[in-house]
C-alpha atoms as a PDB file:
ATOM      1  CA  MET A   1      12.892  -4.440 -88.128  1.00  0.00           C
ATOM      2  CA  LYS A   2      14.763  -6.801 -86.478  1.00  0.00           C
ATOM      3  CA  THR A   3      14.861  -6.717 -82.958  1.00  0.00           C
ATOM      4  CA  ASP A   4      15.948  -8.482 -79.764  1.00  0.00           C
ATOM      5  CA  LEU A   5      13.478 -10.177 -76.945  1.00  0.00           C
ATOM      6  CA  ARG A   6      15.749  -9.926 -74.490  1.00  0.00           C
ATOM      7  CA  THR A   7      15.140  -6.296 -74.330  1.00  0.00           C
ATOM      8  CA  LEU A   8      12.225  -5.562 -76.097  1.00  0.00           C
ATOM      9  CA  PRO A   9       8.817  -8.520 -75.539  1.00  0.00           C
ATOM     10  CA  PHE A  10       7.022  -8.692 -78.246  1.00  0.00           C
ATOM     11  CA  SER A  11       2.617  -7.991 -77.237  1.00  0.00           C
ATOM     12  CA  CYS A  12      -0.071  -6.782 -78.593  1.00  0.00           C
ATOM     13  CA  ARG A  13      -1.959  -3.756 -76.595  1.00  0.00           C
ATOM     14  CA  GLY A  14      -4.207  -4.904 -74.415  1.00  0.00           C
ATOM     15  CA  SER A  15      -2.515  -7.986 -73.599  1.00  0.00           C
ATOM     16  CA  TRP A  16      -1.077  -9.365 -70.367  1.00  0.00           C
ATOM     17  CA  LEU A  17       0.927 -12.050 -72.724  1.00  0.00           C
ATOM     18  CA  VAL A  18       4.000 -11.422 -73.647  1.00  0.00           C
ATOM     19  CA  ILE A  19       6.722 -13.427 -75.673  1.00  0.00           C
ATOM     20  CA  SER A  20      10.228 -12.935 -74.742  1.00  0.00           C
ATOM     21  CA  GLU A  21      13.787 -14.296 -74.443  1.00  0.00           C
ATOM     22  CA  LEU A  22      14.772 -14.886 -71.205  1.00  0.00           C
ATOM     23  CA  GLY A  23      18.339 -15.611 -69.169  1.00  0.00           C
ATOM     24  CA  GLU A  24      18.306 -18.631 -66.289  1.00  0.00           C
ATOM     25  CA  ASN A  25      16.817 -17.887 -63.373  1.00  0.00           C
ATOM     26  CA  TRP A  26      15.191 -15.013 -64.607  1.00  0.00           C
ATOM     27  CA  ASN A  27      13.806 -13.142 -61.409  1.00  0.00           C
ATOM     28  CA  GLY A  28      14.633 -15.704 -59.296  1.00  0.00           C
ATOM     29  CA  CYS A  29      12.552 -18.523 -60.932  1.00  0.00           C
ATOM     30  CA  GLY A  30      14.570 -21.302 -61.673  1.00  0.00           C
ATOM     31  CA  ASN A  31      14.327 -21.127 -65.253  1.00  0.00           C
ATOM     32  CA  GLY A  32      16.943 -21.929 -68.051  1.00  0.00           C
ATOM     33  CA  THR A  33      18.101 -19.413 -70.749  1.00  0.00           C
ATOM     34  CA  GLY A  34      15.687 -19.956 -74.051  1.00  0.00           C
ATOM     35  CA  LEU A  35      11.946 -18.425 -75.559  1.00  0.00           C
ATOM     36  CA  TYR A  36       9.406 -17.518 -73.417  1.00  0.00           C
ATOM     37  CA  LEU A  37       5.747 -17.101 -73.010  1.00  0.00           C
ATOM     38  CA  ARG A  38       5.084 -15.067 -70.445  1.00  0.00           C
ATOM     39  CA  THR A  39       1.702 -12.558 -68.257  1.00  0.00           C
ATOM     40  CA  VAL A  40       3.147  -9.772 -67.080  1.00  0.00           C
ATOM     41  CA  HIS A  41      -0.245  -9.472 -64.672  1.00  0.00           C
ATOM     42  CA  SER A  42       1.619  -8.829 -61.234  1.00  0.00           C
ATOM     43  CA  SER A  43      -1.110 -11.174 -59.367  1.00  0.00           C
ATOM     44  CA  ALA A  44      -0.278 -14.519 -61.845  1.00  0.00           C
ATOM     45  CA  MET A  45       1.306 -17.088 -59.642  1.00  0.00           C
ATOM     46  CA  THR A  46       4.093 -17.823 -61.591  1.00  0.00           C
ATOM     47  CA  PRO A  47       4.791 -15.239 -64.770  1.00  0.00           C
ATOM     48  CA  LEU A  48       6.116 -18.255 -67.093  1.00  0.00           C
ATOM     49  CA  VAL A  49       3.012 -19.658 -69.346  1.00  0.00           C
ATOM     50  CA  ALA A  50       5.086 -22.088 -71.998  1.00  0.00           C
ATOM     51  CA  ARG A  51       8.843 -22.221 -72.797  1.00  0.00           C
ATOM     52  CA  LEU A  52       9.038 -22.518 -76.631  1.00  0.00           C
ATOM     53  CA  TYR A  53      11.785 -24.422 -77.981  1.00  0.00           C
ATOM     54  CA  PRO A  54      12.375 -24.016 -81.105  1.00  0.00           C
ATOM     55  CA  GLU A  55      13.974 -27.065 -82.703  1.00  0.00           C
ATOM     56  CA  GLN A  56      16.718 -24.955 -84.049  1.00  0.00           C
ATOM     57  CA  LYS A  57      18.467 -23.424 -81.639  1.00  0.00           C
ATOM     58  CA  GLU A  58      19.610 -19.691 -83.163  1.00  0.00           C
ATOM     59  CA  TYR A  59      17.425 -17.466 -84.584  1.00  0.00           C
ATOM     60  CA  THR A  60      16.868 -13.996 -85.954  1.00  0.00           C
ATOM     61  CA  ALA A  61      13.305 -12.287 -84.122  1.00  0.00           C
ATOM     62  CA  GLU A  62      11.768  -9.410 -86.776  1.00  0.00           C
ATOM     63  CA  ILE A  63       9.292  -7.329 -86.476  1.00  0.00           C
ATOM     64  CA  ARG A  64       6.774  -7.558 -89.300  1.00  0.00           C
ATOM     65  CA  GLN A  65       3.636  -5.397 -89.462  1.00  0.00           C
ATOM     66  CA  ALA A  66       1.663  -6.768 -86.502  1.00  0.00           C
ATOM     67  CA  ALA A  67       3.361 -10.504 -86.330  1.00  0.00           C
ATOM     68  CA  LEU A  68       6.734 -11.581 -84.530  1.00  0.00           C
ATOM     69  CA  LEU A  69       8.650 -13.275 -87.325  1.00  0.00           C
ATOM     70  CA  LEU A  70      11.613 -16.113 -86.336  1.00  0.00           C
ATOM     71  CA  THR A  71      14.456 -17.104 -88.155  1.00  0.00           C
ATOM     72  CA  THR A  72      16.063 -19.878 -88.733  1.00  0.00           C
ATOM     73  CA  ASP A  73      18.057 -22.307 -90.242  1.00  0.00           C
ATOM     74  CA  GLY A  74      15.024 -24.932 -90.762  1.00  0.00           C
ATOM     75  CA  GLY A  75      12.628 -22.524 -91.692  1.00  0.00           C
ATOM     76  CA  THR A  76      10.564 -19.778 -90.392  1.00  0.00           C
ATOM     77  CA  ILE A  77       7.789 -19.502 -86.955  1.00  0.00           C
ATOM     78  CA  GLU A  78       5.289 -16.660 -87.130  1.00  0.00           C
ATOM     79  CA  ILE A  79       3.565 -15.537 -84.660  1.00  0.00           C
ATOM     80  CA  CYS A  80       1.137 -13.319 -83.621  1.00  0.00           C
ATOM     81  CA  PHE A  81      -1.752 -12.015 -81.740  1.00  0.00           C
ATOM     82  CA  ASP A  82      -5.522 -12.544 -82.776  1.00  0.00           C
ATOM     83  CA  ASP A  83      -6.659 -10.456 -79.035  1.00  0.00           C
ATOM     84  CA  PRO A  84      -5.260  -9.721 -76.442  1.00  0.00           C
ATOM     85  CA  GLY A  85      -5.071 -13.182 -74.986  1.00  0.00           C
ATOM     86  CA  THR A  86      -4.761 -15.225 -78.023  1.00  0.00           C
ATOM     87  CA  VAL A  87      -1.506 -15.960 -79.756  1.00  0.00           C
ATOM     88  CA  LEU A  88      -1.508 -18.055 -82.525  1.00  0.00           C
ATOM     89  CA  PHE A  89       2.268 -19.336 -84.316  1.00  0.00           C
ATOM     90  CA  ARG A  90       2.272 -21.185 -88.280  1.00  0.00           C
ATOM     91  CA  GLY A  91       5.548 -21.715 -89.658  1.00  0.00           C
ATOM     92  CA  THR A  92       7.814 -24.184 -91.876  1.00  0.00           C
ATOM     93  CA  ALA A  93      10.328 -24.380 -88.427  1.00  0.00           C
ATOM     94  CA  GLY A  94       9.456 -26.502 -86.101  1.00  0.00           C
ATOM     95  CA  MET A  95       8.636 -25.256 -82.406  1.00  0.00           C
ATOM     96  CA  THR A  96       7.547 -27.389 -78.932  1.00  0.00           C
ATOM     97  CA  ASP A  97       6.543 -26.045 -75.494  1.00  0.00           C
ATOM     98  CA  THR A  98       6.556 -27.147 -72.271  1.00  0.00           C
ATOM     99  CA  GLY A  99       3.486 -25.605 -69.878  1.00  0.00           C
ATOM    100  CA  GLY A 100       4.166 -22.960 -67.358  1.00  0.00           C
ATOM    101  CA  ALA A 101       7.670 -23.565 -65.020  1.00  0.00           C
ATOM    102  CA  PRO A 102      10.631 -25.523 -65.742  1.00  0.00           C
ATOM    103  CA  SER A 103      10.009 -29.334 -64.599  1.00  0.00           C
ATOM    104  CA  GLY A 104       5.814 -28.457 -64.137  1.00  0.00           C
ATOM    105  CA  ARG A 105       6.976 -26.982 -60.319  1.00  0.00           C
ATOM    106  CA  ARG A 106       5.321 -23.410 -59.860  1.00  0.00           C
ATOM    107  CA  ALA A 107       8.161 -21.061 -59.690  1.00  0.00           C
ATOM    108  CA  PRO A 108       9.010 -19.084 -56.114  1.00  0.00           C
ATOM    109  CA  CYS A 109       9.161 -16.028 -57.646  1.00  0.00           C
ATOM    110  CA  CYS A 110       6.021 -13.667 -57.220  1.00  0.00           C
END
């Protein structure tokens, strides 16, 4: 099932973590537009855990069983939750991440 990560974040039951596409300066966090692993726990200092960068910026998102499949011109990336606190990545396309808020600073949004 194709999905839009801007309106329907990907997660699993019992997890505080979600993968979603966020617009620039989402909730005043100072972030850039992109794909993020974030927490929905209200007591977190910042909701942004990591920004995910598929090597090919354009992708389509599809949910297959319990996994999120990102398809790019360069291949695919499959993302699934092993348990509520563990996210697994595998695929044929490259992906990098940056930890937390933009430029490694703490976001002032919470």
